[in-house]
Amino acid sequence: MTERVICARPHAGAESRRGTRGRGRLARVAAAAAVLSTLSWPRILLAHGGHGADEPLPFDALMLLFGMMPSGLRLDIVMVLALAAGIYLTGWVRLRGQAEGAATVTGLVLYLGGIAALVVALVSPVDRLAAERLSMHMVQHILLLMIAPLGILLANPFPVVLWGLSGRLRESFAGLFRDGRAGRSVLTALTSMPVAWTLYVVNLWGWHHPALYQAALRYWWVHDLEHWLFFATAVLFWWPILNAAPLYRPARPLGTRVVYLLAATLQNTLLGMSIAVPERILYPFYAAVPGLAALSPIQDQGLGGGIMWVSGHMYVIPILVLVARRLISEDEAANARDSVANAEVR
């Protein structure tokens, strides 16, 4: 069923007309955004982090179009997330008419919920406050590492996203993941449990090293890189747990997935402790930010480490879900066997 849904092609003429209209709409939106950006944005913008209001940013012409608006809105991020949501919605509508159950309301809600978590993390006041409070930075990281990737992967978005693309682009993109192609080999390697877990943990600990953390606070492009690497490695981390498509290996045994998540819980707890316990400022950047009356920089650091520490227990929730599903399936199998045995006796 999945293969038929992905590879089926609408009528060529209709597809061509839809593709032409779609490209025309996209071009108009891009042109309007460029004009609006050029007319309304000042040439001196606020950098993400420690730049002053009167300090001009590098690459001024580029930032004029794709940088941070005075209100804190990042047009580049908004456009990327809007495109991701638009492609999914287009594919969801198309698939609803192709195969029953191929596009569900639950999947739509989960996917858009994941996109909404990215919006909150990257373009809401949470992002601005993260440059002032370590504790808020930890909240931002939880959204990027746990909430957003879980929502998107639980929606199992691959078939729907494929159908959100035009016919020719759909076939080219799907072809990257067919047997023997590079995309399939790379994805298979990256979503193996040892590789995914290692990439996730090394990336997480690396960005919390004072040198990299300070750089991310001072330079907007380093901070952007940190955010997208958090999200990308988190998607790889959760992939073998949720068995999202395209799936190239059998589902991992329950015991293996439980150990995988318990190891993640342990490392996250250790990271939170390493931030919360020290009685010295780990990230001097925050000491230079005007403090809240009721929260000193060291108290804010303790709160941030505590948030990271406690968030490690969120890995336990998938463990409980996996165990519950296994118990339910075993009960159903046992009931089915009892029903067959009773029928034979009669």
Protein backbone atom coordinates (compact mmCIF):
# COMPACT_ATOMS: atom_id res chain seq x y z
CA MET A 1 0.00 0.00 0.00
CA THR A 2 2.78 2.46 0.95
CA GLU A 3 4.65 1.84 -2.31
CA ARG A 4 1.49 2.43 -4.33
CA VAL A 5 0.66 5.61 -2.47
CA ILE A 6 4.14 7.06 -2.89
CA CYS A 7 4.75 6.18 -6.50
CA ALA A 8 1.35 6.74 -8.07
CA ARG A 9 1.21 9.71 -10.45
CA PRO A 10 -1.68 12.07 -11.11
CA HIS A 11 -2.68 12.96 -14.63
CA ALA A 12 0.29 14.64 -16.32
CA GLY A 13 -1.62 17.67 -17.58
CA ALA A 14 -3.25 18.37 -14.23
CA GLU A 15 0.04 17.91 -12.43
CA SER A 16 1.78 20.31 -14.78
CA ARG A 17 -0.88 22.97 -14.29
CA ARG A 18 -0.75 22.58 -10.52
CA GLY A 19 3.06 22.76 -10.57
CA THR A 20 2.99 25.94 -12.68
CA ARG A 21 0.46 27.60 -10.37
CA GLY A 22 2.48 26.53 -7.31
CA ARG A 23 5.72 27.96 -8.69
CA GLY A 24 3.93 31.19 -9.58
CA ARG A 25 2.54 31.56 -6.05
CA LEU A 26 5.94 30.83 -4.52
CA ALA A 27 7.60 33.43 -6.74
CA ARG A 28 5.02 36.06 -5.76
CA VAL A 29 5.44 35.31 -2.05
CA ALA A 30 9.23 35.53 -2.32
CA ALA A 31 9.07 38.82 -4.24
CA ALA A 32 6.65 40.32 -1.71
CA ALA A 33 8.87 39.25 1.18
CA ALA A 34 11.93 40.79 -0.47
CA VAL A 35 10.15 44.12 -1.12
CA LEU A 36 8.73 44.24 2.41
CA SER A 37 12.13 43.47 3.91
CA THR A 38 13.88 46.13 1.84
CA LEU A 39 11.32 48.85 2.63
CA SER A 40 10.79 48.22 6.32
CA TRP A 41 14.01 46.98 7.91
CA PRO A 42 16.78 49.27 9.15
CA ARG A 43 20.30 48.69 7.94
CA ILE A 44 21.53 48.25 11.52
CA LEU A 45 19.89 45.22 13.14
CA LEU A 46 20.22 43.56 16.50
CA ALA A 47 22.50 40.54 16.45
CA HIS A 48 21.52 37.43 18.38
CA GLY A 49 23.44 37.59 21.61
CA GLY A 50 25.98 40.15 22.78
CA HIS A 51 25.95 42.79 20.03
CA GLY A 52 24.84 46.28 20.93
CA ALA A 53 21.98 48.07 19.24
CA ASP A 54 24.38 50.48 17.48
CA GLU A 55 26.78 47.84 16.18
CA PRO A 56 26.39 47.03 12.47
CA LEU A 57 26.26 43.36 11.57
CA PRO A 58 28.60 41.72 9.04
CA PHE A 59 27.12 40.81 5.67
CA ASP A 60 24.71 43.72 6.07
CA ALA A 61 23.05 43.33 2.67
CA LEU A 62 22.30 39.65 3.32
CA MET A 63 20.99 40.31 6.81
CA LEU A 64 18.81 43.11 5.46
CA LEU A 65 16.83 40.43 3.64
CA PHE A 66 17.18 37.39 5.89
CA GLY A 67 18.24 38.72 9.30
CA MET A 68 16.49 39.54 12.52
CA MET A 69 13.69 42.08 12.41
CA PRO A 70 13.57 44.72 15.16
CA SER A 71 10.71 42.79 16.80
CA GLY A 72 12.89 39.67 17.01
CA LEU A 73 11.16 37.90 14.12
CA ARG A 74 13.53 35.88 11.96
CA LEU A 75 12.14 35.91 8.44
CA ASP A 76 14.52 33.20 7.21
CA ILE A 77 13.40 30.75 9.92
CA VAL A 78 9.75 31.66 9.47
CA MET A 79 10.00 30.99 5.72
CA VAL A 80 11.69 27.59 6.25
CA LEU A 81 9.12 26.46 8.82
CA ALA A 82 6.22 27.79 6.73
CA LEU A 83 7.57 25.87 3.72
CA ALA A 84 7.85 22.67 5.78
CA ALA A 85 4.28 23.07 7.02
CA GLY A 86 2.98 23.97 3.56
CA ILE A 87 4.55 20.93 1.87
CA TYR A 88 3.10 18.62 4.52
CA LEU A 89 -0.37 20.17 4.28
CA THR A 90 -0.31 19.88 0.48
CA GLY A 91 0.69 16.22 0.67
CA TRP A 92 -1.86 15.52 3.39
CA VAL A 93 -4.71 16.91 1.27
CA ARG A 94 -3.56 14.94 -1.79
CA LEU A 95 -3.15 11.68 0.11
CA ARG A 96 -6.58 11.93 1.73
CA GLY A 97 -8.03 11.24 -1.71
CA GLN A 98 -5.56 8.51 -2.67
CA ALA A 99 -5.72 5.86 0.06
CA GLU A 100 -7.75 5.38 3.21
CA GLY A 101 -5.69 5.91 6.34
CA ALA A 102 -2.66 7.23 4.44
CA ALA A 103 -3.13 10.73 5.88
CA THR A 104 -4.69 10.94 9.34
CA VAL A 105 -5.86 13.87 11.43
CA THR A 106 -3.67 12.61 14.27
CA GLY A 107 -0.61 12.72 12.02
CA LEU A 108 -1.50 16.24 10.91
CA VAL A 109 -1.86 17.45 14.50
CA LEU A 110 1.42 15.82 15.57
CA TYR A 111 3.40 17.24 12.65
CA LEU A 112 2.03 20.77 13.01
CA GLY A 113 2.59 20.49 16.77
CA GLY A 114 6.25 19.73 16.10
CA ILE A 115 6.49 22.72 13.76
CA ALA A 116 4.79 24.87 16.42
CA ALA A 117 7.42 23.76 18.96
CA LEU A 118 10.13 24.92 16.56
CA VAL A 119 8.35 28.26 16.17
CA VAL A 120 8.21 28.70 19.95
CA ALA A 121 11.87 27.75 20.31
CA LEU A 122 13.29 29.83 17.46
CA VAL A 123 11.11 32.86 16.75
CA SER A 124 9.10 33.53 19.92
CA PRO A 125 10.16 35.53 23.01
CA VAL A 126 11.74 32.30 24.26
CA ASP A 127 14.60 32.85 21.79
CA ARG A 128 15.16 36.44 22.94
CA LEU A 129 15.07 35.48 26.62
CA ALA A 130 17.52 32.62 25.97
CA ALA A 131 20.17 35.28 25.26
CA GLU A 132 19.63 36.67 28.76
CA ARG A 133 18.82 33.66 30.95
CA LEU A 134 20.55 30.27 30.96
CA SER A 135 17.40 28.71 32.40
CA MET A 136 15.37 29.90 29.41
CA HIS A 137 18.10 28.58 27.12
CA MET A 138 17.60 25.14 28.64
CA VAL A 139 13.85 25.38 27.95
CA GLN A 140 14.68 26.23 24.34
CA HIS A 141 16.94 23.18 24.11
CA ILE A 142 14.21 20.88 25.44
CA LEU A 143 11.87 22.11 22.70
CA LEU A 144 14.53 21.41 20.05
CA LEU A 145 15.72 18.07 21.44
CA MET A 146 12.52 16.41 22.61
CA ILE A 147 9.22 18.12 21.82
CA ALA A 148 9.69 19.14 18.16
CA PRO A 149 11.42 15.99 16.83
CA LEU A 150 9.05 13.66 18.68
CA GLY A 151 5.98 15.41 17.27
CA ILE A 152 7.29 15.37 13.71
CA LEU A 153 8.51 11.76 13.75
CA LEU A 154 5.36 10.45 15.44
CA ALA A 155 3.47 11.81 12.42
CA ASN A 156 5.57 9.47 10.20
CA PRO A 157 5.83 12.31 7.65
CA PHE A 158 7.88 10.79 4.81
CA PRO A 159 5.00 9.61 2.55
CA VAL A 160 3.00 12.78 3.15
CA VAL A 161 5.96 15.05 2.45
CA LEU A 162 6.63 13.17 -0.78
CA TRP A 163 3.09 13.86 -1.93
CA GLY A 164 3.54 17.51 -1.06
CA LEU A 165 6.13 17.79 -3.83
CA SER A 166 5.45 18.13 -7.54
CA GLY A 167 5.45 14.91 -9.58
CA ARG A 168 8.96 15.20 -11.03
CA LEU A 169 10.52 16.41 -7.78
CA ARG A 170 8.68 13.67 -5.88
CA GLU A 171 10.16 10.94 -8.05
CA SER A 172 13.66 12.42 -7.79
CA PHE A 173 13.48 12.76 -4.01
CA ALA A 174 12.03 9.27 -3.50
CA GLY A 175 14.71 7.87 -5.80
CA LEU A 176 17.40 9.02 -3.35
CA PHE A 177 16.16 6.43 -0.84
CA ARG A 178 15.71 3.42 -3.13
CA ASP A 179 17.89 0.33 -2.85
CA GLY A 180 21.51 1.01 -3.75
CA ARG A 181 21.23 4.81 -3.66
CA ALA A 182 23.42 7.07 -1.53
CA GLY A 183 20.54 8.58 0.43
CA ARG A 184 19.40 5.17 1.62
CA SER A 185 22.91 4.14 2.66
CA VAL A 186 23.53 7.38 4.56
CA LEU A 187 20.16 7.29 6.34
CA THR A 188 20.60 3.63 7.26
CA ALA A 189 24.00 4.39 8.79
CA LEU A 190 22.93 7.53 10.64
CA THR A 191 19.83 5.92 12.18
CA SER A 192 21.61 2.86 13.52
CA MET A 193 21.37 2.99 17.30
CA PRO A 194 25.09 3.33 18.14
CA VAL A 195 25.65 6.08 15.56
CA ALA A 196 22.48 8.04 16.34
CA TRP A 197 23.04 7.89 20.10
CA THR A 198 26.70 8.93 19.82
CA LEU A 199 26.00 11.85 17.47
CA TYR A 200 23.21 13.09 19.73
CA VAL A 201 25.21 12.91 22.97
CA VAL A 202 28.50 14.27 21.59
CA ASN A 203 26.67 17.19 19.99
CA LEU A 204 24.72 17.90 23.18
CA TRP A 205 27.77 17.89 25.46
CA GLY A 206 29.95 19.71 22.95
CA TRP A 207 27.63 22.72 22.70
CA HIS A 208 27.46 22.99 26.50
CA HIS A 209 31.24 23.34 26.74
CA PRO A 210 31.91 26.94 27.86
CA ALA A 211 33.91 27.82 24.74
CA LEU A 212 31.25 26.73 22.24
CA TYR A 213 28.40 27.94 24.46
CA GLN A 214 29.94 31.42 24.73
CA ALA A 215 30.52 31.54 20.97
CA ALA A 216 26.88 30.63 20.32
CA LEU A 217 25.75 33.50 22.55
CA ARG A 218 28.04 36.02 20.87
CA TYR A 219 27.56 35.15 17.18
CA TRP A 220 24.13 34.71 15.65
CA TRP A 221 25.31 32.27 12.96
CA VAL A 222 26.98 29.99 15.54
CA HIS A 223 23.77 30.03 17.56
CA ASP A 224 21.76 29.10 14.46
CA LEU A 225 24.17 26.25 13.74
CA GLU A 226 23.79 25.03 17.32
CA HIS A 227 20.00 25.02 17.06
CA TRP A 228 19.80 23.14 13.78
CA LEU A 229 22.39 20.59 14.89
CA PHE A 230 20.39 20.03 18.08
CA PHE A 231 17.26 19.39 16.05
CA ALA A 232 18.95 17.25 13.36
CA THR A 233 20.78 14.98 15.82
CA ALA A 234 17.60 14.69 17.92
CA VAL A 235 15.66 13.51 14.85
CA LEU A 236 18.33 10.86 14.26
CA PHE A 237 18.25 9.90 17.95
CA TRP A 238 14.47 9.33 18.07
CA TRP A 239 14.24 7.67 14.64
CA PRO A 240 15.20 4.10 15.72
CA ILE A 241 12.84 4.36 18.71
CA LEU A 242 9.80 5.41 16.68
CA ASN A 243 10.62 3.37 13.53
CA ALA A 244 9.59 6.20 11.21
CA ALA A 245 9.59 5.67 7.43
CA PRO A 246 11.64 5.05 5.39
CA LEU A 247 12.48 2.01 7.52
CA TYR A 248 15.29 -0.22 6.22
CA ARG A 249 15.70 -2.62 9.14
CA PRO A 250 13.30 -4.54 11.39
CA ALA A 251 11.98 -2.83 14.50
CA ARG A 252 14.54 -2.93 17.30
CA PRO A 253 13.81 -5.29 20.22
CA LEU A 254 12.06 -3.75 23.20
CA GLY A 255 14.99 -4.42 25.53
CA THR A 256 17.44 -2.70 23.19
CA ARG A 257 15.27 0.41 22.96
CA VAL A 258 14.82 0.53 26.75
CA VAL A 259 18.60 0.37 27.32
CA TYR A 260 19.11 3.03 24.61
CA LEU A 261 16.73 5.42 26.39
CA LEU A 262 18.06 4.66 29.87
CA ALA A 263 21.57 5.51 28.68
CA ALA A 264 20.21 8.80 27.32
CA THR A 265 18.55 9.51 30.68
CA LEU A 266 21.84 8.93 32.50
CA GLN A 267 23.91 11.22 30.30
CA ASN A 268 21.28 13.97 30.43
CA THR A 269 21.18 13.77 34.23
CA LEU A 270 24.98 14.01 34.39
CA LEU A 271 24.95 17.03 32.09
CA GLY A 272 22.34 18.78 34.23
CA MET A 273 24.36 18.05 37.37
CA SER A 274 27.55 19.40 35.80
CA ILE A 275 25.77 22.70 35.16
CA ALA A 276 23.75 22.98 38.37
CA VAL A 277 26.24 21.81 41.01
CA PRO A 278 29.31 24.05 40.44
CA GLU A 279 29.27 27.20 42.60
CA ARG A 280 31.01 29.29 39.94
CA ILE A 281 29.77 30.91 36.77
CA LEU A 282 30.37 28.54 33.85
CA TYR A 283 29.27 31.01 31.17
CA PRO A 284 30.56 34.55 31.92
CA PHE A 285 28.33 35.97 29.19
CA TYR A 286 25.33 35.80 31.53
CA ALA A 287 27.20 37.59 34.32
CA ALA A 288 27.38 40.68 32.11
CA VAL A 289 23.62 40.66 31.44
CA PRO A 290 21.56 42.83 33.84
CA GLY A 291 20.16 40.36 36.36
CA LEU A 292 16.62 39.93 37.57
CA ALA A 293 16.00 41.27 41.04
CA ALA A 294 15.14 37.86 42.43
CA LEU A 295 17.62 35.74 40.45
CA SER A 296 21.39 36.13 40.37
CA PRO A 297 23.52 34.63 37.55
CA ILE A 298 24.62 31.72 39.75
CA GLN A 299 21.01 31.06 40.78
CA ASP A 300 19.95 31.20 37.15
CA GLN A 301 22.70 28.70 36.31
CA GLY A 302 21.48 26.38 39.06
CA LEU A 303 17.92 26.65 37.76
CA GLY A 304 19.07 25.97 34.19
CA GLY A 305 21.06 22.91 35.25
CA GLY A 306 18.06 21.72 37.27
CA ILE A 307 15.81 22.03 34.23
CA MET A 308 18.26 19.96 32.19
CA TRP A 309 18.60 17.48 35.05
CA VAL A 310 14.85 16.97 35.45
CA SER A 311 14.24 16.89 31.69
CA GLY A 312 16.28 13.71 31.54
CA HIS A 313 13.31 11.93 33.05
CA MET A 314 11.34 12.71 29.89
CA TYR A 315 13.21 9.80 28.28
CA VAL A 316 11.39 7.53 30.73
CA ILE A 317 8.02 8.40 29.18
CA PRO A 318 8.79 6.61 25.86
CA ILE A 319 10.05 3.63 27.90
CA LEU A 320 6.72 3.38 29.70
CA VAL A 321 4.84 3.71 26.41
CA LEU A 322 6.95 0.97 24.78
CA VAL A 323 6.46 -1.38 27.73
CA ALA A 324 2.72 -0.68 27.85
CA ARG A 325 2.37 -1.40 24.13
CA ARG A 326 4.26 -4.67 24.53
CA LEU A 327 2.06 -5.74 27.45
CA ILE A 328 -1.11 -4.84 25.54
CA SER A 329 0.01 -6.78 22.46
CA GLU A 330 0.90 -9.79 24.60
CA ASP A 331 -2.52 -9.65 26.31
CA GLU A 332 -4.25 -9.45 22.93
CA ALA A 333 -2.24 -12.42 21.63
CA ALA A 334 -3.07 -14.42 24.77
CA ASN A 335 -6.76 -13.60 24.45
CA ALA A 336 -6.71 -14.62 20.79
CA ARG A 337 -5.11 -17.97 21.68
CA ASP A 338 -7.69 -18.55 24.42
CA SER A 339 -10.51 -17.78 22.00
CA VAL A 340 -9.15 -20.31 19.49
CA ALA A 341 -8.72 -22.94 22.20
CA ASN A 342 -12.26 -22.42 23.48
CA ALA A 343 -13.67 -22.66 19.95
CA GLU A 344 -11.86 -25.97 19.40
CA VAL A 345 -13.21 -27.40 22.66
CA ARG A 346 -16.73 -26.57 21.64
